[in-house]
Amino acid sequence: MSVNKRPVEELPPRIPEDLKDLERAVLLLGNRWRTDLNPKARRELEDLVGRYPSKAQAALWKSALRALREEMTELEIELPCRDGPNNP
C-alpha cells in the first residue's frame, strides 16, 4: 500500500527523505517496538521521525516506512542514473 493511501495515524510526523535515513528509522522503530530505546537512540529516532512513538505506534510506523522504503528502492532501480557516462 502506498504511503499516500495510508491513514494518517499510521505515519510518523516526519518521513525521512533519504533512503539511508529511512532504513535507519525502520531499524530504530523495530527496536522501539520491542523495548525502550537508550537516550542516544531515542534522540536519533525523534530526529528522524519527529517524535518518540509508543510501542504500538512504532509497529505501525515501521510498517508504513518499510513499504515506502520498498517503493523508493524500486524507483531507484527503474530510474536511469543521472551521473552516468551518457548523462553529463
Protein backbone atom coordinates (compact mmCIF):
# COMPACT_ATOMS: atom_id res chain seq x y z
CA MET A 1 0.00 0.00 0.00
CA SER A 2 1.40 3.37 -0.97
CA VAL A 3 2.24 5.79 1.80
CA ASN A 4 -0.21 8.26 0.26
CA LYS A 5 -3.04 5.76 0.81
CA ARG A 6 -2.24 5.01 4.46
CA PRO A 7 -4.31 6.52 7.28
CA VAL A 8 -2.54 9.49 8.88
CA GLU A 9 -2.25 7.72 12.25
CA GLU A 10 -0.04 5.08 10.60
CA LEU A 11 2.50 7.70 9.51
CA PRO A 12 5.07 9.48 11.67
CA PRO A 13 5.00 13.29 11.82
CA ARG A 14 8.16 13.39 9.69
CA ILE A 15 9.18 10.94 6.96
CA PRO A 16 12.90 10.69 6.18
CA GLU A 17 13.54 11.55 2.53
CA ASP A 18 16.98 9.97 2.26
CA LEU A 19 16.99 6.18 1.78
CA LYS A 20 19.78 5.74 4.35
CA ASP A 21 17.82 7.73 6.95
CA LEU A 22 14.66 5.83 6.08
CA GLU A 23 16.41 2.50 6.62
CA ARG A 24 17.78 3.70 9.95
CA ALA A 25 14.32 4.85 11.04
CA VAL A 26 12.86 1.43 10.17
CA LEU A 27 15.58 -0.26 12.24
CA LEU A 28 15.09 2.03 15.23
CA LEU A 29 11.30 1.66 15.05
CA GLY A 30 11.72 -2.11 15.14
CA ASN A 31 13.88 -1.78 18.24
CA ARG A 32 11.36 0.62 19.80
CA TRP A 33 8.53 -1.78 19.10
CA ARG A 34 10.30 -4.35 21.27
CA THR A 35 11.70 -2.17 24.06
CA ASP A 36 12.53 1.32 25.29
CA LEU A 37 15.49 2.86 23.49
CA ASN A 38 18.56 4.23 25.19
CA PRO A 39 18.76 8.05 25.26
CA LYS A 40 21.06 8.33 22.21
CA ALA A 41 18.90 6.06 20.03
CA ARG A 42 15.76 7.79 21.30
CA ARG A 43 17.08 11.22 20.20
CA GLU A 44 18.11 9.80 16.84
CA LEU A 45 14.65 8.33 16.27
CA GLU A 46 13.00 11.60 17.31
CA ASP A 47 15.21 13.48 14.83
CA LEU A 48 14.34 11.04 12.04
CA VAL A 49 10.56 10.74 12.51
CA GLY A 50 9.61 13.80 14.53
CA ARG A 51 8.81 12.28 17.91
CA TYR A 52 9.23 9.20 20.08
CA PRO A 53 6.38 6.73 19.44
CA SER A 54 4.60 4.34 21.75
CA LYS A 55 5.38 0.69 21.07
CA ALA A 56 2.10 0.30 19.18
CA GLN A 57 2.79 3.40 17.06
CA ALA A 58 6.31 2.17 16.37
CA ALA A 59 4.90 -1.02 14.85
CA LEU A 60 2.51 0.95 12.61
CA TRP A 61 5.15 3.47 11.59
CA LYS A 62 7.68 0.74 10.87
CA SER A 63 5.23 -1.00 8.55
CA ALA A 64 4.45 2.24 6.70
CA LEU A 65 8.10 3.25 6.35
CA ARG A 66 9.13 -0.24 5.27
CA ALA A 67 6.58 -0.04 2.43
CA LEU A 68 7.90 3.39 1.48
CA ARG A 69 11.47 2.05 1.52
CA GLU A 70 10.45 -0.71 -0.89
CA GLU A 71 8.82 1.84 -3.19
CA MET A 72 11.90 4.07 -3.10
CA THR A 73 14.19 1.12 -3.81
CA GLU A 74 12.07 0.10 -6.82
CA LEU A 75 12.12 3.65 -8.17
CA GLU A 76 15.90 3.89 -7.86
CA ILE A 77 16.28 0.70 -9.85
CA GLU A 78 13.90 1.84 -12.59
CA LEU A 79 15.25 5.38 -13.00
CA PRO A 80 18.40 5.90 -15.09
CA CYS A 81 21.40 7.27 -13.25
CA ARG A 82 21.81 10.98 -13.94
CA ASP A 83 25.53 10.92 -13.21
CA GLY A 84 26.28 8.09 -15.63
CA PRO A 85 28.70 8.36 -18.56
CA ASN A 86 25.85 9.03 -21.02
CA ASN A 87 24.36 11.86 -18.94
CA PRO A 88 26.63 14.84 -18.37
